[in-house]
Each structure stands twice: as structure tokens, then as C-alpha cells.
Amino acid sequence: MRFMLRKGLVILRPGDGDEAEWSDWIAAHAGQVFKLRGADRGAALHAMGNEAEACREPLNITSRSPGELRLISNFAHTPFVLDGMTYAGIEGFWQGLKFPDEADRQRLAGLYGSAARDAGYYAPRSEELHYGGKRVLIGTWDHWQLMKRACIAKFAQHDGARAALHATGKRPLVHHVKPDSRTIPGVIMAQIWMAIRARL
């Protein structure tokens, strides 16, 4: 093994006869981040994991996230039951809260994704809602707690969504969409997901 030192750089090259072992090592550690530990008489580079995990790159969770990550998003078809009502997904629950009439809420409970979002556009404008016999001001902490309760139910009852959330490890989650929600900003939504993940 040969090496050269440059500012901010260690260049490694295989020695004669080391090519096969070198190739195998490179293949096994592709994309890894290393931490240098050492003293005067020697040093070692320790693998910290793949770059995204080791550097804790944020994951943006939306309906367009790749693969199974979409199951975390509120648009996903992830049926769950909350307070005796079955919902096709979080978006149907959230948009249904806008309607004071129980029949409308039941109708939206069967929707998910963009269909649920679009149905919410027809709700009467209001600065409050009623749920479970309580008055809740829209866009407040109490409103967000309803979202948290629904998400807890979703991840407890839907295996795929729970596995997808757990698979994000310790990486920060964000919810960057344009425009951002005025009733539950992306930063609040992401905090809810990470709080639930911490309890899995």
C-alpha cells in the first residue's frame, strides 16, 4: 500500500500484488465516510457509514419522495382507525376536519392523496373546528395535536408506513412543499414524524 498526503487529502494506491484485495475493499466501502483517528506513530481511518447517514443529510418527505418514503407522507394510502372512524389516509382526516357536517367528514374519510386535498377546497371558511366535542382553533397547537394523534394511529396500524419511518434511522426529516401550509407548517409536520419515530 502506498500513500501521498496533500492538504485535506490522503491518496491511497495498492502496492504490487494487492490489486485484488484493493478492489474488493473499495467495492465494500463505496460511498462510506471515514473518520481519522491517530497519533504521532500512526493513524487509522474508521468507517462511519454511508455518506447520507453519517452526515445526517435531511430527508424531504412528500408525496413525491422516492420508494417507500412516500408511505410516510400524508398523501399516502395508509388506512387507519381513529376514534371509531376508518380513514383511507391522513389527508382525508385532515381535510375532513374543515367540514362541520359529520356526513362530509365520513365522505372525506374514504379519500386520500390529491382527491382528499381537492375535496377540502369546498369546505366552508372558518377559523375553528369541533372534534370530539371540543372547539379547536385552526392552526394552533391543539389543531396540530389532532394531526399528531392521527399520525400515531397511522404508524401504529400500518406496517408499511411504520417500516418506512423506522428505516429513516436518525436522519433529520423535513417537509418542504410550496406553498407551505398555513394550518400546519412543514417544520411542525416533520417534528411530528420524528417524535413518533423516536418511540418506535
Protein backbone atom coordinates (compact mmCIF):
# COMPACT_ATOMS: atom_id res chain seq x y z
CA MET A 1 0.00 0.00 0.00
CA ARG A 2 1.32 3.42 -0.95
CA PHE A 3 0.01 6.81 0.10
CA MET A 4 0.52 10.50 -0.54
CA LEU A 5 -0.50 13.37 1.68
CA ARG A 6 -1.96 16.58 0.34
CA LYS A 7 -3.80 19.40 2.09
CA GLY A 8 -7.18 17.95 3.03
CA LEU A 9 -6.45 14.77 1.11
CA VAL A 10 -4.94 11.31 1.61
CA ILE A 11 -4.26 9.44 -1.63
CA LEU A 12 -4.02 5.66 -1.35
CA ARG A 13 -2.77 3.27 -4.01
CA PRO A 14 -2.39 -0.50 -3.93
CA GLY A 15 1.04 -1.99 -3.87
CA ASP A 16 2.24 -4.66 -6.25
CA GLY A 17 0.14 -7.79 -5.86
CA ASP A 18 -2.51 -6.01 -3.79
CA GLU A 19 -4.85 -5.18 -6.67
CA ALA A 20 -7.49 -7.86 -5.98
CA GLU A 21 -7.68 -7.12 -2.25
CA TRP A 22 -7.79 -3.39 -3.03
CA SER A 23 -10.65 -3.78 -5.49
CA ASP A 24 -12.67 -5.84 -3.01
CA TRP A 25 -12.11 -3.27 -0.25
CA ILE A 26 -13.07 -0.36 -2.47
CA ALA A 27 -16.26 -2.14 -3.57
CA ALA A 28 -17.22 -2.95 0.03
CA HIS A 29 -16.70 0.63 1.21
CA ALA A 30 -18.02 2.64 -1.72
CA GLY A 31 -19.79 5.80 -0.57
CA GLN A 32 -18.55 5.48 3.02
CA VAL A 33 -17.46 8.39 5.19
CA PHE A 34 -14.31 7.86 7.26
CA LYS A 35 -13.10 9.50 10.45
CA LEU A 36 -9.37 9.90 11.02
CA ARG A 37 -8.07 8.77 14.40
CA GLY A 38 -4.41 8.72 15.19
CA ALA A 39 -1.29 9.95 16.94
CA ASP A 40 2.35 10.57 16.11
CA ARG A 41 3.22 6.93 15.40
CA GLY A 42 0.26 6.06 13.20
CA ALA A 43 -3.33 6.69 12.23
CA ALA A 44 -6.43 4.81 11.19
CA LEU A 45 -9.45 5.72 9.11
CA HIS A 46 -12.65 4.38 10.66
CA ALA A 47 -15.79 3.87 8.54
CA MET A 48 -18.72 5.91 9.88
CA GLY A 49 -21.33 4.58 7.45
CA ASN A 50 -22.66 5.75 4.11
CA GLU A 51 -22.46 9.47 3.42
CA ALA A 52 -26.17 10.24 3.79
CA GLU A 53 -26.37 8.52 7.18
CA ALA A 54 -23.01 9.65 8.56
CA CYS A 55 -23.56 13.28 7.57
CA ARG A 56 -27.21 13.15 8.64
CA GLU A 57 -28.48 14.57 5.38
CA PRO A 58 -32.14 15.61 5.76
CA LEU A 59 -34.84 13.59 4.02
CA ASN A 60 -37.63 15.65 2.46
CA ILE A 61 -40.86 13.73 2.96
CA THR A 62 -43.56 14.49 0.38
CA SER A 63 -45.93 12.55 -1.85
CA ARG A 64 -43.12 12.57 -4.43
CA SER A 65 -40.46 11.08 -2.19
CA PRO A 66 -38.74 8.03 -3.69
CA GLY A 67 -39.88 4.50 -2.97
CA GLU A 68 -41.28 3.55 0.40
CA LEU A 69 -40.64 7.02 1.83
CA ARG A 70 -43.92 8.07 0.22
CA LEU A 71 -45.74 5.97 2.79
CA ILE A 72 -44.66 8.44 5.46
CA SER A 73 -46.32 11.36 3.67
CA ASN A 74 -49.85 12.49 4.46
CA PHE A 75 -50.95 11.79 0.87
CA ALA A 76 -50.22 8.05 1.11
CA HIS A 77 -52.97 5.42 1.09
CA THR A 78 -52.35 4.15 4.62
CA PRO A 79 -55.69 3.13 6.17
CA PHE A 80 -56.09 3.54 9.92
CA VAL A 81 -58.82 3.87 12.53
CA LEU A 82 -59.11 6.82 14.90
CA ASP A 83 -61.90 7.37 17.40
CA GLY A 84 -64.04 4.72 15.75
CA MET A 85 -63.77 6.06 12.19
CA THR A 86 -61.77 4.42 9.41
CA TYR A 87 -59.66 6.73 7.24
CA ALA A 88 -58.04 5.93 3.91
CA GLY A 89 -55.15 8.23 4.76
CA ILE A 90 -54.03 11.21 6.80
CA GLU A 91 -55.04 13.76 4.18
CA GLY A 92 -58.66 12.60 4.29
CA PHE A 93 -58.66 13.01 8.07
CA TRP A 94 -57.05 16.46 7.95
CA GLN A 95 -59.24 17.88 5.20
CA GLY A 96 -62.35 16.37 6.78
CA LEU A 97 -61.77 18.43 9.91
CA LYS A 98 -62.65 21.52 7.88
CA PHE A 99 -66.24 20.36 7.49
CA PRO A 100 -68.69 20.80 10.38
CA ASP A 101 -71.10 18.20 8.99
CA GLU A 102 -70.46 14.60 10.03
CA ALA A 103 -71.60 13.25 6.66
CA ASP A 104 -68.92 15.32 4.92
CA ARG A 105 -66.28 14.07 7.32
CA GLN A 106 -67.27 10.49 6.64
CA ARG A 107 -67.11 11.14 2.89
CA LEU A 108 -63.61 12.59 3.14
CA ALA A 109 -62.51 9.76 5.41
CA GLY A 110 -62.71 7.49 2.37
CA LEU A 111 -60.39 9.72 0.33
CA TYR A 112 -56.61 10.07 0.31
CA GLY A 113 -53.95 11.98 -1.58
CA SER A 114 -54.86 14.72 -4.01
CA ALA A 115 -58.52 13.65 -4.05
CA ALA A 116 -58.76 14.41 -0.33
CA ARG A 117 -56.84 17.67 -0.68
CA ASP A 118 -59.06 18.86 -3.53
CA ALA A 119 -62.23 17.95 -1.64
CA GLY A 120 -61.05 20.19 1.20
CA TYR A 121 -61.22 23.24 -1.07
CA TYR A 122 -65.01 23.10 -0.84
CA ALA A 123 -65.14 23.36 2.94
CA PRO A 124 -66.73 26.50 4.39
CA ARG A 125 -64.20 29.05 5.59
CA SER A 126 -63.77 29.09 9.34
CA GLU A 127 -61.17 29.82 11.98
CA GLU A 128 -62.30 27.00 14.22
CA LEU A 129 -63.48 23.41 14.13
CA HIS A 130 -65.08 20.97 16.51
CA TYR A 131 -63.73 17.49 17.18
CA GLY A 132 -64.62 15.12 19.97
CA GLY A 133 -66.92 17.71 21.48
CA LYS A 134 -64.14 20.29 21.76
CA ARG A 135 -63.67 23.60 19.99
CA VAL A 136 -60.28 23.87 18.29
CA LEU A 137 -58.80 26.98 16.70
CA ILE A 138 -57.31 26.24 13.29
CA GLY A 139 -53.53 26.49 13.03
CA THR A 140 -52.92 26.25 16.77
CA TRP A 141 -51.10 23.75 18.96
CA ASP A 142 -54.40 21.98 19.71
CA HIS A 143 -55.04 21.64 15.97
CA TRP A 144 -51.58 20.15 15.47
CA GLN A 145 -52.23 17.65 18.28
CA LEU A 146 -55.10 16.24 16.24
CA MET A 147 -52.64 15.66 13.39
CA LYS A 148 -50.23 14.01 15.81
CA ARG A 149 -52.94 11.68 17.14
CA ALA A 150 -53.88 10.68 13.60
CA CYS A 151 -50.24 10.05 12.67
CA ILE A 152 -49.67 7.97 15.80
CA ALA A 153 -52.66 5.83 14.81
CA LYS A 154 -51.43 5.55 11.22
CA PHE A 155 -47.92 4.38 12.11
CA ALA A 156 -49.19 2.04 14.82
CA GLN A 157 -51.63 0.34 12.46
CA HIS A 158 -49.96 0.42 9.04
CA ASP A 159 -46.94 -1.89 8.83
CA GLY A 160 -45.54 -0.42 5.61
CA ALA A 161 -45.67 3.17 6.83
CA ARG A 162 -44.13 2.21 10.16
CA ALA A 163 -41.29 0.31 8.44
CA ALA A 164 -40.63 3.25 6.12
CA LEU A 165 -40.44 5.68 9.04
CA HIS A 166 -38.19 3.37 11.03
CA ALA A 167 -35.88 2.92 8.01
CA THR A 168 -35.05 6.64 8.03
CA GLY A 169 -32.85 5.95 11.05
CA LYS A 170 -31.65 9.11 12.75
CA ARG A 171 -31.63 11.30 9.68
CA PRO A 172 -33.47 14.62 10.07
CA LEU A 173 -36.84 14.72 8.35
CA VAL A 174 -38.15 17.84 6.65
CA HIS A 175 -41.36 18.63 4.80
CA HIS A 176 -40.57 21.23 2.16
CA VAL A 177 -43.51 21.93 -0.14
CA LYS A 178 -44.56 25.06 -1.98
CA PRO A 179 -46.53 26.82 -0.80
CA ASP A 180 -46.09 25.79 2.81
CA SER A 181 -49.25 25.01 4.74
CA ARG A 182 -50.69 27.85 6.81
CA THR A 183 -52.51 25.47 9.13
CA ILE A 184 -49.65 23.04 9.81
CA PRO A 185 -46.26 24.32 8.60
CA GLY A 186 -43.76 21.80 7.26
CA VAL A 187 -41.48 22.18 10.26
CA ILE A 188 -44.32 21.12 12.59
CA MET A 189 -45.21 18.17 10.38
CA ALA A 190 -41.61 16.98 10.34
CA GLN A 191 -41.36 17.30 14.12
CA ILE A 192 -44.43 15.09 14.49
CA TRP A 193 -42.90 12.37 12.30
CA MET A 194 -39.58 12.46 14.15
CA ALA A 195 -41.27 12.38 17.56
CA ILE A 196 -43.21 9.27 16.52
CA ARG A 197 -40.06 7.69 15.05
CA ALA A 198 -38.23 8.18 18.35
CA ARG A 199 -40.85 5.97 20.04
CA LEU A 200 -40.79 3.12 17.52
